[in-house]
């Protein structure tokens, strides 16, 4: 199942919601959304600094991740970044594939 690193920053309105329902309330909400599309939250951490929230989420396909991302961003409560994560085996497989490529100007 594809894994994604999610990094999020709450907007002022999103922060008010977090303060109102607490971290456990947000975890429950995230679990419900992710599981409704066949996914699983592997890890969820709150942070401070550039990111307020960091998660690793498994989804059955990238389209499910895109659907959640669009919905969350449309809420205006969070600014998010989703990064696909690849295993060591997947990178080994990618490095063995032949790619026909010519660099610009060569």
C-alpha atoms as a PDB file:
ATOM      1  CA  UNK A   1       0.000   0.000   0.000  1.00  0.00           C
ATOM      2  CA  UNK A   2       1.486   3.398  -0.943  1.00  0.00           C
ATOM      3  CA  UNK A   3       2.704   5.522   1.966  1.00  0.00           C
ATOM      4  CA  UNK A   4       2.609   9.298   2.174  1.00  0.00           C
ATOM      5  CA  UNK A   5       4.340  11.767   4.461  1.00  0.00           C
ATOM      6  CA  UNK A   6       1.904  14.530   5.366  1.00  0.00           C
ATOM      7  CA  UNK A   7       3.187  17.825   6.740  1.00  0.00           C
ATOM      8  CA  UNK A   8       0.558  20.334   7.782  1.00  0.00           C
ATOM      9  CA  UNK A   9       0.268  23.802   9.234  1.00  0.00           C
ATOM     10  CA  UNK A  10      -2.941  24.972  10.864  1.00  0.00           C
ATOM     11  CA  UNK A  11      -4.523  28.245   9.792  1.00  0.00           C
ATOM     12  CA  UNK A  12      -5.800  30.474  12.624  1.00  0.00           C
ATOM     13  CA  UNK A  13      -9.291  28.949  12.202  1.00  0.00           C
ATOM     14  CA  UNK A  14      -7.853  25.420  12.213  1.00  0.00           C
ATOM     15  CA  UNK A  15      -5.909  26.194  15.381  1.00  0.00           C
ATOM     16  CA  UNK A  16      -9.112  27.362  17.067  1.00  0.00           C
ATOM     17  CA  UNK A  17     -10.705  24.035  16.144  1.00  0.00           C
ATOM     18  CA  UNK A  18      -7.732  22.116  17.532  1.00  0.00           C
ATOM     19  CA  UNK A  19      -7.914  24.046  20.800  1.00  0.00           C
ATOM     20  CA  UNK A  20     -11.648  23.341  21.023  1.00  0.00           C
ATOM     21  CA  UNK A  21     -11.576  19.566  20.416  1.00  0.00           C
ATOM     22  CA  UNK A  22      -8.025  18.685  21.434  1.00  0.00           C
ATOM     23  CA  UNK A  23      -5.419  16.501  19.761  1.00  0.00           C
ATOM     24  CA  UNK A  24      -7.302  13.266  20.463  1.00  0.00           C
ATOM     25  CA  UNK A  25     -10.376  14.684  18.749  1.00  0.00           C
ATOM     26  CA  UNK A  26      -8.339  15.508  15.667  1.00  0.00           C
ATOM     27  CA  UNK A  27      -6.737  12.040  15.697  1.00  0.00           C
ATOM     28  CA  UNK A  28     -10.191  10.465  15.713  1.00  0.00           C
ATOM     29  CA  UNK A  29     -11.291  12.677  12.810  1.00  0.00           C
ATOM     30  CA  UNK A  30      -8.160  11.840  10.789  1.00  0.00           C
ATOM     31  CA  UNK A  31      -8.567   8.103  11.462  1.00  0.00           C
ATOM     32  CA  UNK A  32     -12.191   8.243  10.275  1.00  0.00           C
ATOM     33  CA  UNK A  33     -11.360  10.063   7.039  1.00  0.00           C
ATOM     34  CA  UNK A  34      -8.391   7.863   6.179  1.00  0.00           C
ATOM     35  CA  UNK A  35     -10.107   4.560   7.019  1.00  0.00           C
ATOM     36  CA  UNK A  36     -13.213   5.563   5.028  1.00  0.00           C
ATOM     37  CA  UNK A  37     -11.043   5.356   1.898  1.00  0.00           C
ATOM     38  CA  UNK A  38      -9.333   2.095   2.864  1.00  0.00           C
ATOM     39  CA  UNK A  39      -6.260   3.707   4.392  1.00  0.00           C
ATOM     40  CA  UNK A  40      -4.485   3.610   7.728  1.00  0.00           C
ATOM     41  CA  UNK A  41      -2.708   6.217   9.842  1.00  0.00           C
ATOM     42  CA  UNK A  42       0.687   4.700  10.647  1.00  0.00           C
ATOM     43  CA  UNK A  43       1.941   7.636  12.714  1.00  0.00           C
ATOM     44  CA  UNK A  44       0.642  11.046  13.744  1.00  0.00           C
ATOM     45  CA  UNK A  45       2.644  13.630  15.650  1.00  0.00           C
ATOM     46  CA  UNK A  46       1.971  17.210  16.586  1.00  0.00           C
ATOM     47  CA  UNK A  47       4.951  19.551  16.336  1.00  0.00           C
ATOM     48  CA  UNK A  48       5.885  23.194  16.566  1.00  0.00           C
ATOM     49  CA  UNK A  49       8.002  25.192  14.183  1.00  0.00           C
ATOM     50  CA  UNK A  50       7.329  25.200  10.449  1.00  0.00           C
ATOM     51  CA  UNK A  51       4.883  22.256  10.707  1.00  0.00           C
ATOM     52  CA  UNK A  52       2.131  21.748  13.273  1.00  0.00           C
ATOM     53  CA  UNK A  53       1.369  18.168  12.291  1.00  0.00           C
ATOM     54  CA  UNK A  54       3.365  15.335  10.719  1.00  0.00           C
ATOM     55  CA  UNK A  55       1.812  12.017   9.675  1.00  0.00           C
ATOM     56  CA  UNK A  56       2.608   8.867   7.766  1.00  0.00           C
ATOM     57  CA  UNK A  57      -0.495   7.518   6.070  1.00  0.00           C
ATOM     58  CA  UNK A  58      -1.061   4.384   3.992  1.00  0.00           C
ATOM     59  CA  UNK A  59      -3.628   4.573   1.181  1.00  0.00           C
ATOM     60  CA  UNK A  60      -4.618   1.920  -1.322  1.00  0.00           C
ATOM     61  CA  UNK A  61      -3.813   4.272  -4.207  1.00  0.00           C
ATOM     62  CA  UNK A  62      -2.679   7.836  -4.960  1.00  0.00           C
ATOM     63  CA  UNK A  63      -6.184   8.866  -6.019  1.00  0.00           C
ATOM     64  CA  UNK A  64      -7.438   8.268  -2.452  1.00  0.00           C
ATOM     65  CA  UNK A  65      -4.633  10.476  -1.138  1.00  0.00           C
ATOM     66  CA  UNK A  66      -5.518  13.162  -3.671  1.00  0.00           C
ATOM     67  CA  UNK A  67      -9.199  13.041  -2.677  1.00  0.00           C
ATOM     68  CA  UNK A  68      -8.359  13.589   0.997  1.00  0.00           C
ATOM     69  CA  UNK A  69      -5.829  16.292   0.168  1.00  0.00           C
ATOM     70  CA  UNK A  70      -8.317  18.251  -1.934  1.00  0.00           C
ATOM     71  CA  UNK A  71     -11.015  18.004   0.717  1.00  0.00           C
ATOM     72  CA  UNK A  72      -8.703  19.073   3.550  1.00  0.00           C
ATOM     73  CA  UNK A  73      -7.281  21.989   1.579  1.00  0.00           C
ATOM     74  CA  UNK A  74     -10.775  23.135   0.583  1.00  0.00           C
ATOM     75  CA  UNK A  75     -11.699  23.379   4.273  1.00  0.00           C
ATOM     76  CA  UNK A  76      -9.213  26.218   4.730  1.00  0.00           C
ATOM     77  CA  UNK A  77      -8.226  24.854   8.160  1.00  0.00           C
ATOM     78  CA  UNK A  78      -4.826  23.494   7.099  1.00  0.00           C
ATOM     79  CA  UNK A  79      -2.062  24.025   4.595  1.00  0.00           C
ATOM     80  CA  UNK A  80      -0.690  20.589   3.705  1.00  0.00           C
ATOM     81  CA  UNK A  81       2.089  18.922   1.756  1.00  0.00           C
ATOM     82  CA  UNK A  82       1.893  15.251   0.779  1.00  0.00           C
ATOM     83  CA  UNK A  83       5.080  13.439  -0.191  1.00  0.00           C
ATOM     84  CA  UNK A  84       4.952   9.911  -1.623  1.00  0.00           C
ATOM     85  CA  UNK A  85       7.288   7.586   0.277  1.00  0.00           C
ATOM     86  CA  UNK A  86       9.149   4.738  -1.423  1.00  0.00           C
ATOM     87  CA  UNK A  87      10.706   1.671   0.147  1.00  0.00           C
ATOM     88  CA  UNK A  88      14.314   0.616  -0.330  1.00  0.00           C
ATOM     89  CA  UNK A  89      13.106  -2.230  -2.567  1.00  0.00           C
ATOM     90  CA  UNK A  90      11.098   0.177  -4.726  1.00  0.00           C
ATOM     91  CA  UNK A  91      14.135   2.403  -5.265  1.00  0.00           C
ATOM     92  CA  UNK A  92      16.257  -0.666  -6.064  1.00  0.00           C
ATOM     93  CA  UNK A  93      13.670  -1.666  -8.662  1.00  0.00           C
ATOM     94  CA  UNK A  94      13.608   1.855 -10.094  1.00  0.00           C
ATOM     95  CA  UNK A  95      17.402   1.946 -10.354  1.00  0.00           C
ATOM     96  CA  UNK A  96      17.351  -1.255 -12.471  1.00  0.00           C
ATOM     97  CA  UNK A  97      14.885   0.115 -15.030  1.00  0.00           C
ATOM     98  CA  UNK A  98      16.309   1.378 -18.282  1.00  0.00           C
ATOM     99  CA  UNK A  99      15.257   4.938 -19.090  1.00  0.00           C
ATOM    100  CA  UNK A 100      15.863   6.522 -22.497  1.00  0.00           C
ATOM    101  CA  UNK A 101      16.781  10.112 -21.665  1.00  0.00           C
ATOM    102  CA  UNK A 102      18.782  12.837 -23.345  1.00  0.00           C
ATOM    103  CA  UNK A 103      19.709  15.857 -21.239  1.00  0.00           C
ATOM    104  CA  UNK A 104      18.868  19.269 -22.704  1.00  0.00           C
ATOM    105  CA  UNK A 105      21.612  20.509 -24.997  1.00  0.00           C
ATOM    106  CA  UNK A 106      23.368  17.145 -25.343  1.00  0.00           C
END
